[in-house]
Amino acid sequence: MLRQKWVDIKTAQELLRHANRRITQDIYQQSVSEEQRLAQDMVFRDLLKGGSTQHPSAL
């Protein structure tokens, strides 16, 4: 999410408390598709409000 918001890698490294930038890049700077991001948001919202994480079509 930091990368999506154009936060530079050094700032992300410091916020995540990694020893160096390489760790941050190797672990967290992977590409995530928009579909994956939407699915993840749906799950987080449901978990936070205590609801089901099932897609409406699965009900």
PDB file of N, CA and C in Angstrom:
ATOM      1  N   MET A   1       0.825  -1.195   0.000  1.00  0.00           N
ATOM      2  CA  MET A   1       0.000   0.000   0.000  1.00  0.00           C
ATOM      3  C   MET A   1       0.869   1.258   0.000  1.00  0.00           C
ATOM      4  N   LEU A   2       2.011   1.174   0.694  1.00  0.00           N
ATOM      5  CA  LEU A   2       2.901   2.335   0.691  1.00  0.00           C
ATOM      6  C   LEU A   2       3.394   2.632  -0.715  1.00  0.00           C
ATOM      7  N   ARG A   3       3.737   1.601  -1.446  1.00  0.00           N
ATOM      8  CA  ARG A   3       4.238   1.783  -2.810  1.00  0.00           C
ATOM      9  C   ARG A   3       3.154   2.385  -3.696  1.00  0.00           C
ATOM     10  N   GLN A   4       1.922   1.932  -3.520  1.00  0.00           N
ATOM     11  CA  GLN A   4       0.802   2.449  -4.301  1.00  0.00           C
ATOM     12  C   GLN A   4       0.609   3.941  -4.042  1.00  0.00           C
ATOM     13  N   LYS A   5       0.942   4.386  -2.850  1.00  0.00           N
ATOM     14  CA  LYS A   5       0.811   5.797  -2.475  1.00  0.00           C
ATOM     15  C   LYS A   5       2.081   6.590  -2.791  1.00  0.00           C
ATOM     16  N   TRP A   6       3.005   5.983  -3.514  1.00  0.00           N
ATOM     17  CA  TRP A   6       4.243   6.620  -3.960  1.00  0.00           C
ATOM     18  C   TRP A   6       5.181   6.972  -2.810  1.00  0.00           C
ATOM     19  N   VAL A   7       5.105   6.186  -1.706  1.00  0.00           N
ATOM     20  CA  VAL A   7       6.050   6.368  -0.615  1.00  0.00           C
ATOM     21  C   VAL A   7       7.385   5.783  -1.063  1.00  0.00           C
ATOM     22  N   ASP A   8       8.465   6.551  -0.899  1.00  0.00           N
ATOM     23  CA  ASP A   8       9.763   6.053  -1.359  1.00  0.00           C
ATOM     24  C   ASP A   8      10.234   4.878  -0.502  1.00  0.00           C
ATOM     25  N   ILE A   9      11.103   4.072  -1.073  1.00  0.00           N
ATOM     26  CA  ILE A   9      11.524   2.812  -0.455  1.00  0.00           C
ATOM     27  C   ILE A   9      12.227   3.046   0.883  1.00  0.00           C
ATOM     28  N   LYS A  10      12.994   4.100   1.012  1.00  0.00           N
ATOM     29  CA  LYS A  10      13.701   4.391   2.265  1.00  0.00           C
ATOM     30  C   LYS A  10      12.706   4.689   3.383  1.00  0.00           C
ATOM     31  N   THR A  11      11.682   5.461   3.085  1.00  0.00           N
ATOM     32  CA  THR A  11      10.653   5.756   4.089  1.00  0.00           C
ATOM     33  C   THR A  11       9.904   4.481   4.475  1.00  0.00           C
ATOM     34  N   ALA A  12       9.568   3.654   3.493  1.00  0.00           N
ATOM     35  CA  ALA A  12       8.891   2.380   3.777  1.00  0.00           C
ATOM     36  C   ALA A  12       9.766   1.497   4.654  1.00  0.00           C
ATOM     37  N   GLN A  13      11.058   1.445   4.339  1.00  0.00           N
ATOM     38  CA  GLN A  13      12.001   0.648   5.129  1.00  0.00           C
ATOM     39  C   GLN A  13      11.996   1.098   6.582  1.00  0.00           C
ATOM     40  N   GLU A  14      12.031   2.396   6.793  1.00  0.00           N
ATOM     41  CA  GLU A  14      12.036   2.930   8.157  1.00  0.00           C
ATOM     42  C   GLU A  14      10.727   2.659   8.880  1.00  0.00           C
ATOM     43  N   LEU A  15       9.608   2.836   8.189  1.00  0.00           N
ATOM     44  CA  LEU A  15       8.304   2.573   8.815  1.00  0.00           C
ATOM     45  C   LEU A  15       8.143   1.102   9.186  1.00  0.00           C
ATOM     46  N   LEU A  16       8.653   0.216   8.336  1.00  0.00           N
ATOM     47  CA  LEU A  16       8.541  -1.221   8.574  1.00  0.00           C
ATOM     48  C   LEU A  16       9.671  -1.760   9.460  1.00  0.00           C
ATOM     49  N   ARG A  17      10.631  -0.880   9.781  1.00  0.00           N
ATOM     50  CA  ARG A  17      11.757  -1.202  10.666  1.00  0.00           C
ATOM     51  C   ARG A  17      12.644  -2.322  10.129  1.00  0.00           C
ATOM     52  N   HIS A  18      12.845  -2.326   8.819  1.00  0.00           N
ATOM     53  CA  HIS A  18      13.761  -3.286   8.214  1.00  0.00           C
ATOM     54  C   HIS A  18      15.187  -2.781   8.343  1.00  0.00           C
ATOM     55  N   ALA A  19      16.136  -3.699   8.388  1.00  0.00           N
ATOM     56  CA  ALA A  19      17.538  -3.336   8.549  1.00  0.00           C
ATOM     57  C   ALA A  19      18.077  -2.577   7.338  1.00  0.00           C
ATOM     58  N   ASN A  20      17.543  -2.904   6.145  1.00  0.00           N
ATOM     59  CA  ASN A  20      18.009  -2.211   4.946  1.00  0.00           C
ATOM     60  C   ASN A  20      16.920  -2.208   3.879  1.00  0.00           C
ATOM     61  N   ARG A  21      17.135  -1.406   2.846  1.00  0.00           N
ATOM     62  CA  ARG A  21      16.131  -1.258   1.778  1.00  0.00           C
ATOM     63  C   ARG A  21      15.916  -2.549   1.009  1.00  0.00           C
ATOM     64  N   ARG A  22      16.956  -3.343   0.863  1.00  0.00           N
ATOM     65  CA  ARG A  22      16.854  -4.583   0.077  1.00  0.00           C
ATOM     66  C   ARG A  22      15.799  -5.529   0.661  1.00  0.00           C
ATOM     67  N   ILE A  23      15.755  -5.611   1.976  1.00  0.00           N
ATOM     68  CA  ILE A  23      14.755  -6.463   2.630  1.00  0.00           C
ATOM     69  C   ILE A  23      13.355  -5.988   2.263  1.00  0.00           C
ATOM     70  N   THR A  24      13.141  -4.685   2.353  1.00  0.00           N
ATOM     71  CA  THR A  24      11.836  -4.108   2.021  1.00  0.00           C
ATOM     72  C   THR A  24      11.471  -4.404   0.574  1.00  0.00           C
ATOM     73  N   GLN A  25      12.406  -4.184  -0.327  1.00  0.00           N
ATOM     74  CA  GLN A  25      12.140  -4.426  -1.745  1.00  0.00           C
ATOM     75  C   GLN A  25      11.858  -5.894  -2.018  1.00  0.00           C
ATOM     76  N   ASP A  26      12.663  -6.778  -1.459  1.00  0.00           N
ATOM     77  CA  ASP A  26      12.509  -8.206  -1.726  1.00  0.00           C
ATOM     78  C   ASP A  26      11.204  -8.771  -1.188  1.00  0.00           C
ATOM     79  N   ILE A  27      10.782  -8.284  -0.046  1.00  0.00           N
ATOM     80  CA  ILE A  27       9.594  -8.855   0.602  1.00  0.00           C
ATOM     81  C   ILE A  27       8.305  -8.157   0.206  1.00  0.00           C
ATOM     82  N   TYR A  28       8.309  -6.825   0.215  1.00  0.00           N
ATOM     83  CA  TYR A  28       7.058  -6.093   0.137  1.00  0.00           C
ATOM     84  C   TYR A  28       6.764  -5.369  -1.158  1.00  0.00           C
ATOM     85  N   GLN A  29       7.694  -5.288  -2.056  1.00  0.00           N
ATOM     86  CA  GLN A  29       7.458  -4.503  -3.258  1.00  0.00           C
ATOM     87  C   GLN A  29       6.999  -5.337  -4.443  1.00  0.00           C
ATOM     88  N   GLN A  30       6.400  -6.455  -4.174  1.00  0.00           N
ATOM     89  CA  GLN A  30       5.883  -7.298  -5.244  1.00  0.00           C
ATOM     90  C   GLN A  30       4.651  -6.668  -5.878  1.00  0.00           C
ATOM     91  N   SER A  31       4.408  -7.054  -7.080  1.00  0.00           N
ATOM     92  CA  SER A  31       3.271  -6.519  -7.811  1.00  0.00           C
ATOM     93  C   SER A  31       1.987  -7.226  -7.385  1.00  0.00           C
ATOM     94  N   VAL A  32       0.942  -6.447  -7.161  1.00  0.00           N
ATOM     95  CA  VAL A  32      -0.364  -6.991  -6.803  1.00  0.00           C
ATOM     96  C   VAL A  32      -1.373  -6.440  -7.798  1.00  0.00           C
ATOM     97  N   SER A  33      -2.129  -7.341  -8.410  1.00  0.00           N
ATOM     98  CA  SER A  33      -3.114  -6.907  -9.394  1.00  0.00           C
ATOM     99  C   SER A  33      -4.273  -6.190  -8.710  1.00  0.00           C
ATOM    100  N   GLU A  34      -4.995  -5.429  -9.478  1.00  0.00           N
ATOM    101  CA  GLU A  34      -6.168  -4.719  -8.945  1.00  0.00           C
ATOM    102  C   GLU A  34      -7.202  -5.715  -8.428  1.00  0.00           C
ATOM    103  N   GLU A  35      -7.374  -6.837  -9.119  1.00  0.00           N
ATOM    104  CA  GLU A  35      -8.329  -7.858  -8.671  1.00  0.00           C
ATOM    105  C   GLU A  35      -7.909  -8.436  -7.319  1.00  0.00           C
ATOM    106  N   GLN A  36      -6.616  -8.697  -7.139  1.00  0.00           N
ATOM    107  CA  GLN A  36      -6.130  -9.201  -5.862  1.00  0.00           C
ATOM    108  C   GLN A  36      -6.341  -8.170  -4.760  1.00  0.00           C
ATOM    109  N   ARG A  37      -6.082  -6.913  -5.061  1.00  0.00           N
ATOM    110  CA  ARG A  37      -6.258  -5.845  -4.081  1.00  0.00           C
ATOM    111  C   ARG A  37      -7.727  -5.715  -3.667  1.00  0.00           C
ATOM    112  N   LEU A  38      -8.650  -5.810  -4.615  1.00  0.00           N
ATOM    113  CA  LEU A  38     -10.076  -5.726  -4.299  1.00  0.00           C
ATOM    114  C   LEU A  38     -10.526  -6.900  -3.437  1.00  0.00           C
ATOM    115  N   ALA A  39     -10.037  -8.094  -3.763  1.00  0.00           N
ATOM    116  CA  ALA A  39     -10.383  -9.282  -2.975  1.00  0.00           C
ATOM    117  C   ALA A  39      -9.852  -9.156  -1.550  1.00  0.00           C
ATOM    118  N   GLN A  40      -8.633  -8.673  -1.421  1.00  0.00           N
ATOM    119  CA  GLN A  40      -8.038  -8.491  -0.106  1.00  0.00           C
ATOM    120  C   GLN A  40      -8.830  -7.455   0.702  1.00  0.00           C
ATOM    121  N   ASP A  41      -9.199  -6.366   0.085  1.00  0.00           N
ATOM    122  CA  ASP A  41      -9.996  -5.345   0.769  1.00  0.00           C
ATOM    123  C   ASP A  41     -11.322  -5.903   1.252  1.00  0.00           C
ATOM    124  N   MET A  42     -11.959  -6.734   0.422  1.00  0.00           N
ATOM    125  CA  MET A  42     -13.239  -7.333   0.784  1.00  0.00           C
ATOM    126  C   MET A  42     -13.076  -8.216   2.029  1.00  0.00           C
ATOM    127  N   VAL A  43     -12.039  -9.013   2.066  1.00  0.00           N
ATOM    128  CA  VAL A  43     -11.799  -9.897   3.206  1.00  0.00           C
ATOM    129  C   VAL A  43     -11.519  -9.081   4.468  1.00  0.00           C
ATOM    130  N   PHE A  44     -10.658  -8.075   4.367  1.00  0.00           N
ATOM    131  CA  PHE A  44     -10.355  -7.259   5.534  1.00  0.00           C
ATOM    132  C   PHE A  44     -11.590  -6.561   6.079  1.00  0.00           C
ATOM    133  N   ARG A  45     -12.407  -6.012   5.190  1.00  0.00           N
ATOM    134  CA  ARG A  45     -13.634  -5.333   5.646  1.00  0.00           C
ATOM    135  C   ARG A  45     -14.546  -6.306   6.386  1.00  0.00           C
ATOM    136  N   ASP A  46     -14.711  -7.495   5.808  1.00  0.00           N
ATOM    137  CA  ASP A  46     -15.582  -8.487   6.439  1.00  0.00           C
ATOM    138  C   ASP A  46     -15.025  -8.954   7.783  1.00  0.00           C
ATOM    139  N   LEU A  47     -13.730  -9.140   7.862  1.00  0.00           N
ATOM    140  CA  LEU A  47     -13.128  -9.567   9.124  1.00  0.00           C
ATOM    141  C   LEU A  47     -13.267  -8.496  10.199  1.00  0.00           C
ATOM    142  N   LEU A  48     -13.087  -7.246   9.811  1.00  0.00           N
ATOM    143  CA  LEU A  48     -13.176  -6.164  10.778  1.00  0.00           C
ATOM    144  C   LEU A  48     -14.586  -5.967  11.324  1.00  0.00           C
ATOM    145  N   LYS A  49     -15.587  -6.252  10.499  1.00  0.00           N
ATOM    146  CA  LYS A  49     -16.957  -6.095  10.986  1.00  0.00           C
ATOM    147  C   LYS A  49     -17.553  -7.418  11.446  1.00  0.00           C
ATOM    148  N   GLY A  50     -16.763  -8.494  11.418  1.00  0.00           N
ATOM    149  CA  GLY A  50     -17.214  -9.775  11.944  1.00  0.00           C
ATOM    150  C   GLY A  50     -18.152 -10.530  11.015  1.00  0.00           C
ATOM    151  N   GLY A  51     -18.144 -10.178   9.738  1.00  0.00           N
ATOM    152  CA  GLY A  51     -19.034 -10.820   8.790  1.00  0.00           C
ATOM    153  C   GLY A  51     -18.406 -12.004   8.070  1.00  0.00           C
ATOM    154  N   SER A  52     -19.133 -12.515   7.134  1.00  0.00           N
ATOM    155  CA  SER A  52     -18.662 -13.624   6.307  1.00  0.00           C
ATOM    156  C   SER A  52     -17.726 -13.114   5.230  1.00  0.00           C
ATOM    157  N   THR A  53     -16.732 -13.931   4.884  1.00  0.00           N
ATOM    158  CA  THR A  53     -15.814 -13.558   3.809  1.00  0.00           C
ATOM    159  C   THR A  53     -16.192 -14.217   2.509  1.00  0.00           C
ATOM    160  N   GLN A  54     -17.358 -14.863   2.465  1.00  0.00           N
ATOM    161  CA  GLN A  54     -17.792 -15.523   1.230  1.00  0.00           C
ATOM    162  C   GLN A  54     -18.273 -14.506   0.215  1.00  0.00           C
ATOM    163  N   HIS A  55     -17.961 -14.788  -1.039  1.00  0.00           N
ATOM    164  CA  HIS A  55     -18.454 -13.955  -2.140  1.00  0.00           C
ATOM    165  C   HIS A  55     -19.958 -14.126  -2.212  1.00  0.00           C
ATOM    166  N   PRO A  56     -20.693 -13.061  -2.504  1.00  0.00           N
ATOM    167  CA  PRO A  56     -22.165 -13.158  -2.562  1.00  0.00           C
ATOM    168  C   PRO A  56     -22.663 -14.281  -3.453  1.00  0.00           C
ATOM    169  N   SER A  57     -21.958 -14.613  -4.530  1.00  0.00           N
ATOM    170  CA  SER A  57     -22.417 -15.678  -5.420  1.00  0.00           C
ATOM    171  C   SER A  57     -22.282 -17.055  -4.786  1.00  0.00           C
ATOM    172  N   ALA A  58     -21.492 -17.177  -3.691  1.00  0.00           N
ATOM    173  CA  ALA A  58     -21.297 -18.475  -3.046  1.00  0.00           C
ATOM    174  C   ALA A  58     -22.366 -18.741  -1.990  1.00  0.00           C
ATOM    175  N   LEU A  59     -23.202 -17.759  -1.698  1.00  0.00           N
ATOM    176  CA  LEU A  59     -24.225 -17.934  -0.658  1.00  0.00           C
ATOM    177  C   LEU A  59     -25.442 -18.645  -1.173  1.00  0.00           C
TER     178      LEU A  59
END
